[in-house]
């Protein structure tokens, strides 16, 4: 009895110490929840939030907002290409022309059904000021690229902030074939279990189906088939939901690469689910993040694999 008591006490002390050093991605709780912010820290956090929101606007600006009109006709510049057959609102999404890797015709969208021949923004944005990037979406230059009819000045500024400060070189993460360059799946498993499982995706990444019953899309589907989209959504969050943003939470590039490497091992379709589907732990709490979002956060989920 005495021996068991001693073991229990030691486990309690160890667990308390581990928790005090824990937090998201192994950071201490003191770092995660400081008692107060300086004005500089507050301004920095506000900028990260706006950069992340700009990334969601780049992804799907209609779902990121709640008071915008969804275009029904094609974008005026869409007639300059003939290879991408999408119509209506899809032609207004930034990612549809410039890609999830921000390289347009020179990146992953340089072939396949998404090919348009339009240039990317990664190199161009480096050379432009935030004001110049704002003007791109205000019909100043180029012409026929006016988004002021659909989104407000704050959204245009947030989008410009993302283009100036939020773009990354995805070629450091994946090669031209979409295969991860390095990455530690074991560490990625730890990151996934700490941040993605309980309220959303479940231990197997099947808690949310971005597709439908006949053609499901899970976390593993996206990580395997479109790693560039996976990286973008992990960094910025899913438009119109409470999905956390790696930009806001200050994740490193290694964190994202390790997470991608692990996510590619998760089920990609129904055949890969197996026994995971029998347990709630594998399914996650589907409703918590899928349909319960705060007022003003946007219009909701998916589809994701695009």
C-alpha atoms as a PDB file:
ATOM      1  CA  UNK A   1       0.000   0.000   0.000  1.00  0.00           C
ATOM      2  CA  UNK A   2       2.783   2.379   0.975  1.00  0.00           C
ATOM      3  CA  UNK A   3       4.673   1.547  -2.192  1.00  0.00           C
ATOM      4  CA  UNK A   4       1.608   2.280  -4.338  1.00  0.00           C
ATOM      5  CA  UNK A   5       1.111   5.611  -2.590  1.00  0.00           C
ATOM      6  CA  UNK A   6       4.696   6.653  -3.292  1.00  0.00           C
ATOM      7  CA  UNK A   7       4.336   5.711  -6.981  1.00  0.00           C
ATOM      8  CA  UNK A   8       1.099   7.673  -7.227  1.00  0.00           C
ATOM      9  CA  UNK A   9       2.730  10.749  -5.683  1.00  0.00           C
ATOM     10  CA  UNK A  10       5.680  10.527  -8.070  1.00  0.00           C
ATOM     11  CA  UNK A  11       3.351  10.267 -11.063  1.00  0.00           C
ATOM     12  CA  UNK A  12       1.382  13.269  -9.839  1.00  0.00           C
ATOM     13  CA  UNK A  13       4.526  15.383  -9.466  1.00  0.00           C
ATOM     14  CA  UNK A  14       5.789  14.305 -12.886  1.00  0.00           C
ATOM     15  CA  UNK A  15       2.466  15.047 -14.580  1.00  0.00           C
ATOM     16  CA  UNK A  16       2.254  18.484 -12.970  1.00  0.00           C
ATOM     17  CA  UNK A  17       5.782  19.330 -14.069  1.00  0.00           C
ATOM     18  CA  UNK A  18       5.126  18.108 -17.611  1.00  0.00           C
ATOM     19  CA  UNK A  19       1.937  20.158 -17.857  1.00  0.00           C
ATOM     20  CA  UNK A  20       3.685  23.284 -16.622  1.00  0.00           C
ATOM     21  CA  UNK A  21       6.176  22.890 -19.471  1.00  0.00           C
ATOM     22  CA  UNK A  22       3.504  21.926 -22.010  1.00  0.00           C
ATOM     23  CA  UNK A  23       1.015  24.019 -23.883  1.00  0.00           C
ATOM     24  CA  UNK A  24       0.560  24.113 -27.617  1.00  0.00           C
ATOM     25  CA  UNK A  25       3.627  22.818 -29.440  1.00  0.00           C
ATOM     26  CA  UNK A  26       5.468  22.331 -26.135  1.00  0.00           C
ATOM     27  CA  UNK A  27       5.448  25.997 -25.177  1.00  0.00           C
ATOM     28  CA  UNK A  28       4.984  26.950 -21.554  1.00  0.00           C
ATOM     29  CA  UNK A  29       1.627  28.147 -20.297  1.00  0.00           C
ATOM     30  CA  UNK A  30       3.313  31.365 -19.253  1.00  0.00           C
ATOM     31  CA  UNK A  31       4.252  31.987 -22.877  1.00  0.00           C
ATOM     32  CA  UNK A  32       0.813  31.065 -24.145  1.00  0.00           C
ATOM     33  CA  UNK A  33      -1.132  33.161 -21.657  1.00  0.00           C
ATOM     34  CA  UNK A  34       0.912  36.162 -20.538  1.00  0.00           C
ATOM     35  CA  UNK A  35      -0.524  38.345 -17.813  1.00  0.00           C
ATOM     36  CA  UNK A  36      -0.447  41.448 -19.965  1.00  0.00           C
ATOM     37  CA  UNK A  37       0.595  42.606 -23.427  1.00  0.00           C
ATOM     38  CA  UNK A  38       2.695  45.615 -24.269  1.00  0.00           C
ATOM     39  CA  UNK A  39       1.357  47.894 -26.988  1.00  0.00           C
ATOM     40  CA  UNK A  40       3.987  46.514 -29.348  1.00  0.00           C
ATOM     41  CA  UNK A  41       2.908  42.925 -28.647  1.00  0.00           C
ATOM     42  CA  UNK A  42      -0.743  43.857 -29.047  1.00  0.00           C
ATOM     43  CA  UNK A  43      -0.052  45.528 -32.392  1.00  0.00           C
ATOM     44  CA  UNK A  44       1.933  42.498 -33.549  1.00  0.00           C
ATOM     45  CA  UNK A  45      -0.892  40.124 -32.629  1.00  0.00           C
ATOM     46  CA  UNK A  46      -3.416  42.332 -34.427  1.00  0.00           C
ATOM     47  CA  UNK A  47      -1.260  42.271 -37.545  1.00  0.00           C
ATOM     48  CA  UNK A  48      -0.956  38.465 -37.425  1.00  0.00           C
ATOM     49  CA  UNK A  49      -4.735  38.179 -37.112  1.00  0.00           C
ATOM     50  CA  UNK A  50      -5.211  40.414 -40.134  1.00  0.00           C
ATOM     51  CA  UNK A  51      -2.585  38.530 -42.163  1.00  0.00           C
ATOM     52  CA  UNK A  52      -4.345  35.261 -41.345  1.00  0.00           C
ATOM     53  CA  UNK A  53      -7.706  36.739 -42.327  1.00  0.00           C
ATOM     54  CA  UNK A  54      -6.136  37.945 -45.562  1.00  0.00           C
ATOM     55  CA  UNK A  55      -5.108  34.349 -46.230  1.00  0.00           C
ATOM     56  CA  UNK A  56      -8.698  33.239 -45.725  1.00  0.00           C
ATOM     57  CA  UNK A  57      -9.898  35.961 -48.083  1.00  0.00           C
ATOM     58  CA  UNK A  58      -7.396  34.702 -50.656  1.00  0.00           C
ATOM     59  CA  UNK A  59      -8.882  31.233 -50.195  1.00  0.00           C
ATOM     60  CA  UNK A  60     -12.589  32.106 -50.233  1.00  0.00           C
ATOM     61  CA  UNK A  61     -13.537  35.721 -49.559  1.00  0.00           C
ATOM     62  CA  UNK A  62     -17.292  35.085 -49.690  1.00  0.00           C
ATOM     63  CA  UNK A  63     -17.124  32.495 -46.917  1.00  0.00           C
ATOM     64  CA  UNK A  64     -14.799  34.706 -44.876  1.00  0.00           C
ATOM     65  CA  UNK A  65     -17.342  37.536 -44.795  1.00  0.00           C
ATOM     66  CA  UNK A  66     -21.042  37.766 -43.953  1.00  0.00           C
ATOM     67  CA  UNK A  67     -22.202  40.914 -45.749  1.00  0.00           C
ATOM     68  CA  UNK A  68     -20.847  40.454 -49.258  1.00  0.00           C
ATOM     69  CA  UNK A  69     -22.599  39.656 -52.511  1.00  0.00           C
ATOM     70  CA  UNK A  70     -21.631  36.451 -54.256  1.00  0.00           C
ATOM     71  CA  UNK A  71     -20.882  37.059 -57.950  1.00  0.00           C
ATOM     72  CA  UNK A  72     -22.942  35.006 -60.376  1.00  0.00           C
ATOM     73  CA  UNK A  73     -21.150  35.931 -63.582  1.00  0.00           C
ATOM     74  CA  UNK A  74     -17.552  35.177 -64.511  1.00  0.00           C
ATOM     75  CA  UNK A  75     -14.697  37.493 -63.540  1.00  0.00           C
ATOM     76  CA  UNK A  76     -13.996  40.061 -66.332  1.00  0.00           C
ATOM     77  CA  UNK A  77     -10.480  38.649 -66.830  1.00  0.00           C
ATOM     78  CA  UNK A  78     -11.724  35.063 -67.110  1.00  0.00           C
ATOM     79  CA  UNK A  79     -12.366  35.470 -70.838  1.00  0.00           C
ATOM     80  CA  UNK A  80      -8.618  35.861 -71.350  1.00  0.00           C
ATOM     81  CA  UNK A  81      -8.168  32.138 -70.731  1.00  0.00           C
ATOM     82  CA  UNK A  82      -9.938  29.079 -72.156  1.00  0.00           C
ATOM     83  CA  UNK A  83      -8.487  26.094 -70.297  1.00  0.00           C
ATOM     84  CA  UNK A  84     -10.212  26.342 -66.899  1.00  0.00           C
ATOM     85  CA  UNK A  85     -13.931  25.601 -67.235  1.00  0.00           C
ATOM     86  CA  UNK A  86     -15.089  26.867 -63.842  1.00  0.00           C
ATOM     87  CA  UNK A  87     -17.764  29.528 -63.837  1.00  0.00           C
ATOM     88  CA  UNK A  88     -19.335  32.164 -61.611  1.00  0.00           C
ATOM     89  CA  UNK A  89     -17.969  32.786 -58.143  1.00  0.00           C
ATOM     90  CA  UNK A  90     -15.116  30.299 -58.495  1.00  0.00           C
ATOM     91  CA  UNK A  91     -13.561  32.615 -61.089  1.00  0.00           C
ATOM     92  CA  UNK A  92     -13.333  35.342 -58.420  1.00  0.00           C
ATOM     93  CA  UNK A  93     -11.331  33.291 -55.919  1.00  0.00           C
ATOM     94  CA  UNK A  94      -7.687  34.417 -55.755  1.00  0.00           C
ATOM     95  CA  UNK A  95      -6.439  30.862 -55.448  1.00  0.00           C
ATOM     96  CA  UNK A  96      -8.176  29.830 -58.687  1.00  0.00           C
ATOM     97  CA  UNK A  97      -5.854  32.021 -60.752  1.00  0.00           C
ATOM     98  CA  UNK A  98      -2.750  32.200 -58.577  1.00  0.00           C
ATOM     99  CA  UNK A  99      -2.800  28.776 -56.905  1.00  0.00           C
ATOM    100  CA  UNK A 100      -2.360  27.508 -53.361  1.00  0.00           C
ATOM    101  CA  UNK A 101       1.398  27.872 -53.852  1.00  0.00           C
ATOM    102  CA  UNK A 102       0.977  31.482 -55.104  1.00  0.00           C
ATOM    103  CA  UNK A 103       2.903  30.734 -58.316  1.00  0.00           C
ATOM    104  CA  UNK A 104       0.039  30.542 -60.814  1.00  0.00           C
ATOM    105  CA  UNK A 105       1.019  29.048 -64.165  1.00  0.00           C
ATOM    106  CA  UNK A 106       4.533  28.333 -62.872  1.00  0.00           C
ATOM    107  CA  UNK A 107       3.333  26.242 -59.926  1.00  0.00           C
ATOM    108  CA  UNK A 108       1.017  23.341 -59.164  1.00  0.00           C
ATOM    109  CA  UNK A 109      -1.745  24.955 -61.251  1.00  0.00           C
ATOM    110  CA  UNK A 110       0.558  24.959 -64.259  1.00  0.00           C
ATOM    111  CA  UNK A 111      -1.286  21.859 -65.459  1.00  0.00           C
ATOM    112  CA  UNK A 112      -4.597  20.125 -64.980  1.00  0.00           C
ATOM    113  CA  UNK A 113      -8.150  21.450 -64.796  1.00  0.00           C
ATOM    114  CA  UNK A 114      -7.126  24.532 -62.782  1.00  0.00           C
ATOM    115  CA  UNK A 115      -4.662  25.804 -65.377  1.00  0.00           C
ATOM    116  CA  UNK A 116      -5.401  29.354 -66.545  1.00  0.00           C
ATOM    117  CA  UNK A 117      -2.061  30.715 -67.710  1.00  0.00           C
ATOM    118  CA  UNK A 118      -2.266  33.582 -65.214  1.00  0.00           C
ATOM    119  CA  UNK A 119       0.885  34.570 -63.350  1.00  0.00           C
ATOM    120  CA  UNK A 120       1.551  33.938 -59.695  1.00  0.00           C
ATOM    121  CA  UNK A 121       1.887  36.598 -57.002  1.00  0.00           C
ATOM    122  CA  UNK A 122       4.770  35.282 -54.913  1.00  0.00           C
ATOM    123  CA  UNK A 123       7.614  37.080 -56.677  1.00  0.00           C
ATOM    124  CA  UNK A 124       5.553  40.126 -57.644  1.00  0.00           C
ATOM    125  CA  UNK A 125       4.315  40.820 -54.115  1.00  0.00           C
ATOM    126  CA  UNK A 126       7.898  41.050 -52.840  1.00  0.00           C
ATOM    127  CA  UNK A 127       8.506  44.067 -55.071  1.00  0.00           C
ATOM    128  CA  UNK A 128       5.309  45.955 -54.269  1.00  0.00           C
ATOM    129  CA  UNK A 129       4.236  48.047 -51.288  1.00  0.00           C
ATOM    130  CA  UNK A 130       1.075  47.284 -49.347  1.00  0.00           C
ATOM    131  CA  UNK A 131      -0.546  50.340 -50.932  1.00  0.00           C
ATOM    132  CA  UNK A 132       0.330  49.100 -54.424  1.00  0.00           C
ATOM    133  CA  UNK A 133      -1.067  45.671 -53.569  1.00  0.00           C
ATOM    134  CA  UNK A 134      -4.276  47.298 -52.363  1.00  0.00           C
ATOM    135  CA  UNK A 135      -4.557  49.177 -55.662  1.00  0.00           C
ATOM    136  CA  UNK A 136      -4.375  45.885 -57.570  1.00  0.00           C
ATOM    137  CA  UNK A 137      -7.813  45.040 -56.195  1.00  0.00           C
ATOM    138  CA  UNK A 138      -9.163  48.577 -56.632  1.00  0.00           C
ATOM    139  CA  UNK A 139      -9.045  48.661 -60.424  1.00  0.00           C
ATOM    140  CA  UNK A 140      -6.119  51.096 -60.396  1.00  0.00           C
ATOM    141  CA  UNK A 141      -3.712  48.681 -62.066  1.00  0.00           C
ATOM    142  CA  UNK A 142      -4.315  46.288 -63.680  1.00  0.00           C
ATOM    143  CA  UNK A 143      -7.699  47.120 -65.135  1.00  0.00           C
ATOM    144  CA  UNK A 144     -10.667  44.774 -64.744  1.00  0.00           C
ATOM    145  CA  UNK A 145      -9.399  43.553 -61.381  1.00  0.00           C
ATOM    146  CA  UNK A 146     -11.746  45.617 -59.225  1.00  0.00           C
ATOM    147  CA  UNK A 147     -13.011  43.910 -56.050  1.00  0.00           C
ATOM    148  CA  UNK A 148     -14.424  47.032 -54.378  1.00  0.00           C
ATOM    149  CA  UNK A 149     -17.887  46.069 -55.603  1.00  0.00           C
ATOM    150  CA  UNK A 150     -17.736  42.963 -53.427  1.00  0.00           C
ATOM    151  CA  UNK A 151     -15.454  43.496 -50.437  1.00  0.00           C
ATOM    152  CA  UNK A 152     -14.690  46.520 -48.281  1.00  0.00           C
ATOM    153  CA  UNK A 153     -11.506  48.521 -47.777  1.00  0.00           C
ATOM    154  CA  UNK A 154     -10.623  46.568 -44.614  1.00  0.00           C
ATOM    155  CA  UNK A 155     -10.790  43.293 -46.522  1.00  0.00           C
ATOM    156  CA  UNK A 156      -8.686  44.711 -49.360  1.00  0.00           C
ATOM    157  CA  UNK A 157      -6.067  45.860 -46.833  1.00  0.00           C
ATOM    158  CA  UNK A 158      -6.046  42.486 -45.058  1.00  0.00           C
ATOM    159  CA  UNK A 159      -5.596  40.746 -48.400  1.00  0.00           C
ATOM    160  CA  UNK A 160      -2.713  43.076 -49.239  1.00  0.00           C
ATOM    161  CA  UNK A 161      -1.122  42.385 -45.847  1.00  0.00           C
ATOM    162  CA  UNK A 162      -1.290  38.666 -46.520  1.00  0.00           C
ATOM    163  CA  UNK A 163       0.270  39.068 -49.963  1.00  0.00           C
ATOM    164  CA  UNK A 164       3.066  41.225 -48.560  1.00  0.00           C
ATOM    165  CA  UNK A 165       3.793  39.458 -45.262  1.00  0.00           C
ATOM    166  CA  UNK A 166       1.979  36.124 -45.308  1.00  0.00           C
ATOM    167  CA  UNK A 167       3.181  34.376 -48.456  1.00  0.00           C
ATOM    168  CA  UNK A 168       5.769  31.638 -48.090  1.00  0.00           C
ATOM    169  CA  UNK A 169       7.987  29.702 -50.464  1.00  0.00           C
ATOM    170  CA  UNK A 170       6.120  26.376 -50.582  1.00  0.00           C
ATOM    171  CA  UNK A 171       8.974  24.790 -52.532  1.00  0.00           C
ATOM    172  CA  UNK A 172      10.780  24.518 -49.188  1.00  0.00           C
ATOM    173  CA  UNK A 173       8.000  22.188 -48.011  1.00  0.00           C
ATOM    174  CA  UNK A 174       7.127  20.078 -51.047  1.00  0.00           C
ATOM    175  CA  UNK A 175       8.711  19.350 -54.418  1.00  0.00           C
ATOM    176  CA  UNK A 176       7.060  19.749 -57.817  1.00  0.00           C
ATOM    177  CA  UNK A 177       5.406  16.342 -57.440  1.00  0.00           C
ATOM    178  CA  UNK A 178       3.853  17.348 -54.130  1.00  0.00           C
ATOM    179  CA  UNK A 179       6.088  15.166 -51.960  1.00  0.00           C
ATOM    180  CA  UNK A 180       7.252  16.578 -48.604  1.00  0.00           C
ATOM    181  CA  UNK A 181      10.891  17.625 -48.440  1.00  0.00           C
ATOM    182  CA  UNK A 182      11.924  16.091 -45.141  1.00  0.00           C
ATOM    183  CA  UNK A 183       9.488  16.239 -42.259  1.00  0.00           C
ATOM    184  CA  UNK A 184       9.200  14.092 -39.143  1.00  0.00           C
ATOM    185  CA  UNK A 185       5.903  12.142 -39.089  1.00  0.00           C
ATOM    186  CA  UNK A 186       6.401  11.102 -35.472  1.00  0.00           C
ATOM    187  CA  UNK A 187       6.700  14.701 -34.325  1.00  0.00           C
ATOM    188  CA  UNK A 188       3.850  15.560 -36.683  1.00  0.00           C
ATOM    189  CA  UNK A 189       1.701  12.977 -34.903  1.00  0.00           C
ATOM    190  CA  UNK A 190       2.340  14.777 -31.611  1.00  0.00           C
ATOM    191  CA  UNK A 191       1.398  18.130 -33.170  1.00  0.00           C
ATOM    192  CA  UNK A 192      -1.767  16.665 -34.696  1.00  0.00           C
ATOM    193  CA  UNK A 193      -2.888  14.970 -31.482  1.00  0.00           C
ATOM    194  CA  UNK A 194      -2.284  18.098 -29.406  1.00  0.00           C
ATOM    195  CA  UNK A 195      -4.011  20.544 -31.725  1.00  0.00           C
ATOM    196  CA  UNK A 196      -6.332  18.898 -34.234  1.00  0.00           C
ATOM    197  CA  UNK A 197      -8.050  15.831 -32.808  1.00  0.00           C
ATOM    198  CA  UNK A 198     -10.342  16.540 -29.863  1.00  0.00           C
ATOM    199  CA  UNK A 199     -12.676  19.251 -31.146  1.00  0.00           C
ATOM    200  CA  UNK A 200     -12.444  18.661 -34.871  1.00  0.00           C
ATOM    201  CA  UNK A 201     -10.748  15.963 -36.883  1.00  0.00           C
ATOM    202  CA  UNK A 202     -10.386  13.029 -34.484  1.00  0.00           C
ATOM    203  CA  UNK A 203      -7.340  10.813 -34.070  1.00  0.00           C
ATOM    204  CA  UNK A 204      -7.655   9.457 -37.616  1.00  0.00           C
ATOM    205  CA  UNK A 205      -8.433  12.799 -39.273  1.00  0.00           C
ATOM    206  CA  UNK A 206     -11.919  11.649 -40.337  1.00  0.00           C
ATOM    207  CA  UNK A 207     -14.000  13.750 -37.956  1.00  0.00           C
ATOM    208  CA  UNK A 208     -14.908  16.186 -40.731  1.00  0.00           C
ATOM    209  CA  UNK A 209     -15.736  15.058 -44.263  1.00  0.00           C
ATOM    210  CA  UNK A 210     -15.080  17.970 -46.636  1.00  0.00           C
ATOM    211  CA  UNK A 211     -16.646  16.048 -49.505  1.00  0.00           C
ATOM    212  CA  UNK A 212     -19.700  13.801 -49.363  1.00  0.00           C
ATOM    213  CA  UNK A 213     -20.597  10.199 -48.547  1.00  0.00           C
ATOM    214  CA  UNK A 214     -19.739   8.939 -52.038  1.00  0.00           C
ATOM    215  CA  UNK A 215     -16.551  10.930 -52.458  1.00  0.00           C
ATOM    216  CA  UNK A 216     -15.241  11.792 -48.996  1.00  0.00           C
ATOM    217  CA  UNK A 217     -12.372  14.186 -48.373  1.00  0.00           C
ATOM    218  CA  UNK A 218     -10.526  14.025 -45.084  1.00  0.00           C
ATOM    219  CA  UNK A 219      -7.413  15.646 -43.666  1.00  0.00           C
ATOM    220  CA  UNK A 220      -5.345  12.814 -45.141  1.00  0.00           C
ATOM    221  CA  UNK A 221      -6.968  13.282 -48.561  1.00  0.00           C
ATOM    222  CA  UNK A 222      -5.942  16.911 -48.779  1.00  0.00           C
ATOM    223  CA  UNK A 223      -2.451  16.368 -47.365  1.00  0.00           C
ATOM    224  CA  UNK A 224      -1.817  13.631 -49.923  1.00  0.00           C
ATOM    225  CA  UNK A 225      -3.474  15.049 -53.042  1.00  0.00           C
ATOM    226  CA  UNK A 226      -2.979  18.791 -52.543  1.00  0.00           C
ATOM    227  CA  UNK A 227      -0.250  19.530 -49.986  1.00  0.00           C
ATOM    228  CA  UNK A 228      -0.123  23.176 -51.091  1.00  0.00           C
ATOM    229  CA  UNK A 229      -3.747  23.643 -50.060  1.00  0.00           C
ATOM    230  CA  UNK A 230      -3.064  21.790 -46.812  1.00  0.00           C
ATOM    231  CA  UNK A 231      -0.221  24.165 -45.970  1.00  0.00           C
ATOM    232  CA  UNK A 232      -2.291  27.249 -46.792  1.00  0.00           C
ATOM    233  CA  UNK A 233      -5.235  26.172 -44.631  1.00  0.00           C
ATOM    234  CA  UNK A 234      -3.058  25.109 -41.696  1.00  0.00           C
ATOM    235  CA  UNK A 235      -1.340  28.484 -41.744  1.00  0.00           C
ATOM    236  CA  UNK A 236      -4.430  30.653 -42.211  1.00  0.00           C
ATOM    237  CA  UNK A 237      -7.387  28.563 -41.087  1.00  0.00           C
ATOM    238  CA  UNK A 238     -10.520  27.441 -42.900  1.00  0.00           C
ATOM    239  CA  UNK A 239     -12.690  30.379 -44.045  1.00  0.00           C
ATOM    240  CA  UNK A 240     -15.832  30.922 -42.012  1.00  0.00           C
ATOM    241  CA  UNK A 241     -14.893  28.618 -39.128  1.00  0.00           C
ATOM    242  CA  UNK A 242     -13.005  28.712 -35.840  1.00  0.00           C
ATOM    243  CA  UNK A 243     -10.121  26.653 -37.149  1.00  0.00           C
ATOM    244  CA  UNK A 244      -6.944  27.981 -35.484  1.00  0.00           C
ATOM    245  CA  UNK A 245      -4.277  29.663 -37.567  1.00  0.00           C
ATOM    246  CA  UNK A 246      -0.646  28.589 -37.431  1.00  0.00           C
ATOM    247  CA  UNK A 247       0.317  32.165 -38.317  1.00  0.00           C
ATOM    248  CA  UNK A 248      -1.441  33.559 -35.253  1.00  0.00           C
ATOM    249  CA  UNK A 249      -0.120  30.759 -33.024  1.00  0.00           C
ATOM    250  CA  UNK A 250       3.436  31.334 -34.222  1.00  0.00           C
ATOM    251  CA  UNK A 251       4.108  27.856 -35.570  1.00  0.00           C
ATOM    252  CA  UNK A 252       7.457  27.320 -37.235  1.00  0.00           C
ATOM    253  CA  UNK A 253       7.920  26.044 -40.775  1.00  0.00           C
ATOM    254  CA  UNK A 254       9.199  22.799 -39.272  1.00  0.00           C
ATOM    255  CA  UNK A 255       5.949  22.417 -37.308  1.00  0.00           C
ATOM    256  CA  UNK A 256       3.938  22.659 -40.520  1.00  0.00           C
ATOM    257  CA  UNK A 257       6.209  20.325 -42.480  1.00  0.00           C
ATOM    258  CA  UNK A 258       6.137  17.699 -39.726  1.00  0.00           C
ATOM    259  CA  UNK A 259       2.340  17.972 -39.523  1.00  0.00           C
ATOM    260  CA  UNK A 260       2.045  17.551 -43.302  1.00  0.00           C
ATOM    261  CA  UNK A 261       4.299  14.488 -43.229  1.00  0.00           C
ATOM    262  CA  UNK A 262       2.101  12.836 -40.598  1.00  0.00           C
ATOM    263  CA  UNK A 263      -1.215  13.891 -42.141  1.00  0.00           C
ATOM    264  CA  UNK A 264      -0.289  12.088 -45.354  1.00  0.00           C
ATOM    265  CA  UNK A 265      -0.364   8.811 -43.408  1.00  0.00           C
ATOM    266  CA  UNK A 266      -3.999   9.304 -42.318  1.00  0.00           C
ATOM    267  CA  UNK A 267      -6.999   7.735 -44.143  1.00  0.00           C
ATOM    268  CA  UNK A 268      -7.583   9.266 -47.557  1.00  0.00           C
ATOM    269  CA  UNK A 269     -10.913   7.602 -48.337  1.00  0.00           C
ATOM    270  CA  UNK A 270     -13.435   5.216 -46.809  1.00  0.00           C
ATOM    271  CA  UNK A 271     -11.250   2.165 -47.458  1.00  0.00           C
ATOM    272  CA  UNK A 272      -8.551   3.627 -45.255  1.00  0.00           C
ATOM    273  CA  UNK A 273     -10.772   4.213 -42.223  1.00  0.00           C
ATOM    274  CA  UNK A 274     -10.957   0.608 -41.033  1.00  0.00           C
ATOM    275  CA  UNK A 275     -11.520   0.201 -37.325  1.00  0.00           C
ATOM    276  CA  UNK A 276     -10.998   3.931 -36.674  1.00  0.00           C
ATOM    277  CA  UNK A 277     -14.607   4.639 -37.598  1.00  0.00           C
ATOM    278  CA  UNK A 278     -15.926   2.531 -34.726  1.00  0.00           C
ATOM    279  CA  UNK A 279     -14.589   4.852 -32.078  1.00  0.00           C
ATOM    280  CA  UNK A 280     -15.524   8.401 -31.181  1.00  0.00           C
ATOM    281  CA  UNK A 281     -11.860   9.164 -30.692  1.00  0.00           C
ATOM    282  CA  UNK A 282     -11.332   8.483 -34.370  1.00  0.00           C
ATOM    283  CA  UNK A 283     -14.246  10.671 -35.413  1.00  0.00           C
ATOM    284  CA  UNK A 284     -13.669  13.746 -33.283  1.00  0.00           C
ATOM    285  CA  UNK A 285     -16.428  16.108 -32.161  1.00  0.00           C
ATOM    286  CA  UNK A 286     -17.762  16.865 -35.596  1.00  0.00           C
ATOM    287  CA  UNK A 287     -20.248  19.559 -34.654  1.00  0.00           C
ATOM    288  CA  UNK A 288     -17.976  21.685 -32.503  1.00  0.00           C
ATOM    289  CA  UNK A 289     -16.022  23.268 -35.327  1.00  0.00           C
ATOM    290  CA  UNK A 290     -18.077  22.273 -38.357  1.00  0.00           C
ATOM    291  CA  UNK A 291     -21.232  24.225 -37.722  1.00  0.00           C
ATOM    292  CA  UNK A 292     -20.831  26.292 -34.587  1.00  0.00           C
ATOM    293  CA  UNK A 293     -19.118  29.541 -35.477  1.00  0.00           C
ATOM    294  CA  UNK A 294     -19.394  32.943 -33.913  1.00  0.00           C
ATOM    295  CA  UNK A 295     -21.374  35.806 -35.464  1.00  0.00           C
ATOM    296  CA  UNK A 296     -19.263  37.637 -37.980  1.00  0.00           C
ATOM    297  CA  UNK A 297     -16.829  34.806 -38.610  1.00  0.00           C
ATOM    298  CA  UNK A 298     -18.192  33.837 -42.012  1.00  0.00           C
ATOM    299  CA  UNK A 299     -20.369  31.311 -43.775  1.00  0.00           C
ATOM    300  CA  UNK A 300     -18.875  27.960 -42.863  1.00  0.00           C
ATOM    301  CA  UNK A 301     -17.089  24.899 -44.142  1.00  0.00           C
ATOM    302  CA  UNK A 302     -15.881  23.252 -47.336  1.00  0.00           C
ATOM    303  CA  UNK A 303     -15.604  21.775 -49.770  1.00  0.00           C
ATOM    304  CA  UNK A 304     -11.865  21.847 -49.235  1.00  0.00           C
ATOM    305  CA  UNK A 305     -10.021  19.834 -51.871  1.00  0.00           C
ATOM    306  CA  UNK A 306      -9.933  22.302 -54.768  1.00  0.00           C
END
